Amino acid sequence: QVQLVESGGDSVPAGGSLRLSCAASTIRQCMGWFRQAPGKEREWVAFILPNGNTDYSASVKGRFTISRDNAKKMVFLQMNSLKSEDAGTYSCAARRYACMWQQNAYGIWGQGTQVTVSS
């Protein structure tokens, strides 16, 4: 059973930065980050393929950067210029095959790490 453990969540002021980490017991083809704000549905943030190809949701493009270290089985999410609407629980997810933005395409999830952005 693949396990994912996120870390790095914190409380930061608007405009600040955070780097989230996801440690995987086994790294999969597609690794993604999703987030869920209180009272809202979980939404896709970014994903990355083994070759480094990435994609981002429009709301974070240009501010967030996803990366991965396959040897260390780690995935990262560098978040810059944070806004209040970026607050929520950020979860790492893994998918065996091609990356997709639909959350139900991912069968492996971490517990999440909390990000709070104060204005």
C-alpha atoms as a PDB file:
ATOM      1  CA  GLN A   1       0.000   0.000   0.000  1.00  0.00           C
ATOM      2  CA  VAL A   2       1.452   3.326  -1.106  1.00  0.00           C
ATOM      3  CA  GLN A   3       1.533   5.928   1.626  1.00  0.00           C
ATOM      4  CA  LEU A   4       1.819   9.670   1.232  1.00  0.00           C
ATOM      5  CA  VAL A   5       2.727  12.022   4.062  1.00  0.00           C
ATOM      6  CA  GLU A   6       2.513  15.771   3.628  1.00  0.00           C
ATOM      7  CA  SER A   7       4.316  18.380   5.694  1.00  0.00           C
ATOM      8  CA  GLY A   8       5.174  22.045   5.622  1.00  0.00           C
ATOM      9  CA  GLY A   9       1.791  23.600   6.252  1.00  0.00           C
ATOM     10  CA  ASP A  10       1.831  26.717   8.388  1.00  0.00           C
ATOM     11  CA  SER A  11       0.217  30.081   9.002  1.00  0.00           C
ATOM     12  CA  VAL A  12       1.692  32.881   6.895  1.00  0.00           C
ATOM     13  CA  PRO A  13       0.729  36.466   6.050  1.00  0.00           C
ATOM     14  CA  ALA A  14      -0.643  37.320   2.648  1.00  0.00           C
ATOM     15  CA  GLY A  15       2.206  37.728   0.190  1.00  0.00           C
ATOM     16  CA  GLY A  16       4.307  35.171   2.014  1.00  0.00           C
ATOM     17  CA  SER A  17       5.714  31.840   0.854  1.00  0.00           C
ATOM     18  CA  LEU A  18       5.553  28.223   1.924  1.00  0.00           C
ATOM     19  CA  ARG A  19       7.061  25.016   0.681  1.00  0.00           C
ATOM     20  CA  LEU A  20       5.005  21.868   1.091  1.00  0.00           C
ATOM     21  CA  SER A  21       6.540  18.428   0.955  1.00  0.00           C
ATOM     22  CA  CYS A  22       5.055  15.025   0.231  1.00  0.00           C
ATOM     23  CA  ALA A  23       6.974  11.894   1.144  1.00  0.00           C
ATOM     24  CA  ALA A  24       5.900   8.782  -0.741  1.00  0.00           C
ATOM     25  CA  SER A  25       6.584   5.196   0.214  1.00  0.00           C
ATOM     26  CA  THR A  26       6.479   4.499  -3.524  1.00  0.00           C
ATOM     27  CA  ILE A  27       6.457   7.314  -6.047  1.00  0.00           C
ATOM     28  CA  ARG A  28       3.944   6.939  -8.872  1.00  0.00           C
ATOM     29  CA  GLN A  29       3.826   8.079 -12.466  1.00  0.00           C
ATOM     30  CA  CYS A  30       1.705  11.110 -11.713  1.00  0.00           C
ATOM     31  CA  MET A  31       1.954  13.094  -8.508  1.00  0.00           C
ATOM     32  CA  GLY A  32      -0.473  15.887  -7.810  1.00  0.00           C
ATOM     33  CA  TRP A  33      -1.461  18.453  -5.238  1.00  0.00           C
ATOM     34  CA  PHE A  34      -5.043  19.286  -4.379  1.00  0.00           C
ATOM     35  CA  ARG A  35      -6.513  21.661  -1.821  1.00  0.00           C
ATOM     36  CA  GLN A  36      -9.759  22.104   0.030  1.00  0.00           C
ATOM     37  CA  ALA A  37     -10.894  25.308   1.670  1.00  0.00           C
ATOM     38  CA  PRO A  38     -13.451  25.201   4.502  1.00  0.00           C
ATOM     39  CA  GLY A  39     -16.938  24.768   3.106  1.00  0.00           C
ATOM     40  CA  LYS A  40     -15.684  24.214  -0.432  1.00  0.00           C
ATOM     41  CA  GLU A  41     -15.017  21.215  -2.613  1.00  0.00           C
ATOM     42  CA  ARG A  42     -11.513  19.909  -3.038  1.00  0.00           C
ATOM     43  CA  GLU A  43      -9.826  21.338  -6.137  1.00  0.00           C
ATOM     44  CA  TRP A  44      -6.833  20.414  -8.216  1.00  0.00           C
ATOM     45  CA  VAL A  45      -3.755  22.616  -7.843  1.00  0.00           C
ATOM     46  CA  ALA A  46      -0.945  21.055  -9.866  1.00  0.00           C
ATOM     47  CA  PHE A  47       0.537  17.810 -11.112  1.00  0.00           C
ATOM     48  CA  ILE A  48       3.896  16.581 -12.321  1.00  0.00           C
ATOM     49  CA  LEU A  49       5.094  13.696 -14.454  1.00  0.00           C
ATOM     50  CA  PRO A  50       8.348  11.756 -13.984  1.00  0.00           C
ATOM     51  CA  ASN A  51       9.963  13.722 -16.832  1.00  0.00           C
ATOM     52  CA  GLY A  52       9.245  16.976 -15.044  1.00  0.00           C
ATOM     53  CA  ASN A  53       6.322  18.099 -17.174  1.00  0.00           C
ATOM     54  CA  THR A  54       3.864  20.055 -15.063  1.00  0.00           C
ATOM     55  CA  ASP A  55       0.497  21.710 -15.203  1.00  0.00           C
ATOM     56  CA  TYR A  56      -1.222  24.143 -12.868  1.00  0.00           C
ATOM     57  CA  SER A  57      -4.670  25.431 -12.197  1.00  0.00           C
ATOM     58  CA  ALA A  58      -5.237  28.939 -13.478  1.00  0.00           C
ATOM     59  CA  SER A  59      -5.580  30.276  -9.931  1.00  0.00           C
ATOM     60  CA  VAL A  60      -2.018  29.332  -8.966  1.00  0.00           C
ATOM     61  CA  LYS A  61      -0.124  29.467 -12.269  1.00  0.00           C
ATOM     62  CA  GLY A  62       2.855  31.773 -11.999  1.00  0.00           C
ATOM     63  CA  ARG A  63       2.866  31.673  -8.191  1.00  0.00           C
ATOM     64  CA  PHE A  64       3.187  27.964  -7.366  1.00  0.00           C
ATOM     65  CA  THR A  65       5.833  25.503  -8.542  1.00  0.00           C
ATOM     66  CA  ILE A  66       5.557  21.746  -8.260  1.00  0.00           C
ATOM     67  CA  SER A  67       8.681  19.612  -8.355  1.00  0.00           C
ATOM     68  CA  ARG A  68       9.694  16.068  -7.605  1.00  0.00           C
ATOM     69  CA  ASP A  69      12.754  14.106  -6.564  1.00  0.00           C
ATOM     70  CA  ASN A  70      12.183  10.570  -7.813  1.00  0.00           C
ATOM     71  CA  ALA A  71      15.267   9.182  -6.081  1.00  0.00           C
ATOM     72  CA  LYS A  72      14.097  10.488  -2.721  1.00  0.00           C
ATOM     73  CA  LYS A  73      10.434   9.775  -3.493  1.00  0.00           C
ATOM     74  CA  MET A  74       9.476  13.329  -2.663  1.00  0.00           C
ATOM     75  CA  VAL A  75       7.153  15.855  -4.252  1.00  0.00           C
ATOM     76  CA  PHE A  76       7.198  19.540  -3.394  1.00  0.00           C
ATOM     77  CA  LEU A  77       4.931  22.523  -3.839  1.00  0.00           C
ATOM     78  CA  GLN A  78       6.584  25.924  -3.604  1.00  0.00           C
ATOM     79  CA  MET A  79       3.912  28.532  -2.991  1.00  0.00           C
ATOM     80  CA  ASN A  80       4.761  32.211  -3.417  1.00  0.00           C
ATOM     81  CA  SER A  81       2.703  35.390  -3.224  1.00  0.00           C
ATOM     82  CA  LEU A  82       0.121  33.612  -1.116  1.00  0.00           C
ATOM     83  CA  LYS A  83      -3.394  35.007  -1.020  1.00  0.00           C
ATOM     84  CA  SER A  84      -6.173  34.490   1.494  1.00  0.00           C
ATOM     85  CA  GLU A  85      -7.986  32.315  -1.048  1.00  0.00           C
ATOM     86  CA  ASP A  86      -5.023  29.908  -1.060  1.00  0.00           C
ATOM     87  CA  ALA A  87      -5.816  28.832   2.506  1.00  0.00           C
ATOM     88  CA  GLY A  88      -6.986  25.293   3.066  1.00  0.00           C
ATOM     89  CA  THR A  89      -5.907  21.717   3.512  1.00  0.00           C
ATOM     90  CA  TYR A  90      -3.365  20.681   0.876  1.00  0.00           C
ATOM     91  CA  SER A  91      -3.203  17.030  -0.046  1.00  0.00           C
ATOM     92  CA  CYS A  92      -0.746  15.073  -2.104  1.00  0.00           C
ATOM     93  CA  ALA A  93      -2.145  12.425  -4.452  1.00  0.00           C
ATOM     94  CA  ALA A  94      -0.664   9.731  -6.646  1.00  0.00           C
ATOM     95  CA  ARG A  95      -1.829   8.110  -9.812  1.00  0.00           C
ATOM     96  CA  ARG A  96      -0.282   5.161 -11.602  1.00  0.00           C
ATOM     97  CA  TYR A  97      -0.931   6.422 -15.124  1.00  0.00           C
ATOM     98  CA  ALA A  98      -1.174   9.703 -17.008  1.00  0.00           C
ATOM     99  CA  CYS A  99      -1.860  12.832 -15.040  1.00  0.00           C
ATOM    100  CA  MET A 100      -5.385  14.148 -14.839  1.00  0.00           C
ATOM    101  CA  TRP A 101      -6.918  17.066 -13.016  1.00  0.00           C
ATOM    102  CA  GLN A 102      -9.971  15.142 -11.838  1.00  0.00           C
ATOM    103  CA  GLN A 103      -9.575  14.161  -8.209  1.00  0.00           C
ATOM    104  CA  ASN A 104     -11.459  10.897  -8.606  1.00  0.00           C
ATOM    105  CA  ALA A 105      -8.723   9.724 -10.977  1.00  0.00           C
ATOM    106  CA  TYR A 106      -6.316   9.512  -8.044  1.00  0.00           C
ATOM    107  CA  GLY A 107      -6.512   6.465  -5.814  1.00  0.00           C
ATOM    108  CA  ILE A 108      -3.826   7.319  -3.289  1.00  0.00           C
ATOM    109  CA  TRP A 109      -4.049  10.297  -0.963  1.00  0.00           C
ATOM    110  CA  GLY A 110      -2.175  11.738   1.964  1.00  0.00           C
ATOM    111  CA  GLN A 111      -3.787  13.078   5.119  1.00  0.00           C
ATOM    112  CA  GLY A 112      -3.163  16.690   4.188  1.00  0.00           C
ATOM    113  CA  THR A 113      -1.357  19.656   5.664  1.00  0.00           C
ATOM    114  CA  GLN A 114      -3.010  22.897   6.717  1.00  0.00           C
ATOM    115  CA  VAL A 115      -2.174  26.236   5.143  1.00  0.00           C
ATOM    116  CA  THR A 116      -3.498  29.429   6.706  1.00  0.00           C
ATOM    117  CA  VAL A 117      -3.043  32.815   5.062  1.00  0.00           C
ATOM    118  CA  SER A 118      -3.755  35.912   7.103  1.00  0.00           C
ATOM    119  CA  SER A 119      -4.620  39.177   5.396  1.00  0.00           C
END
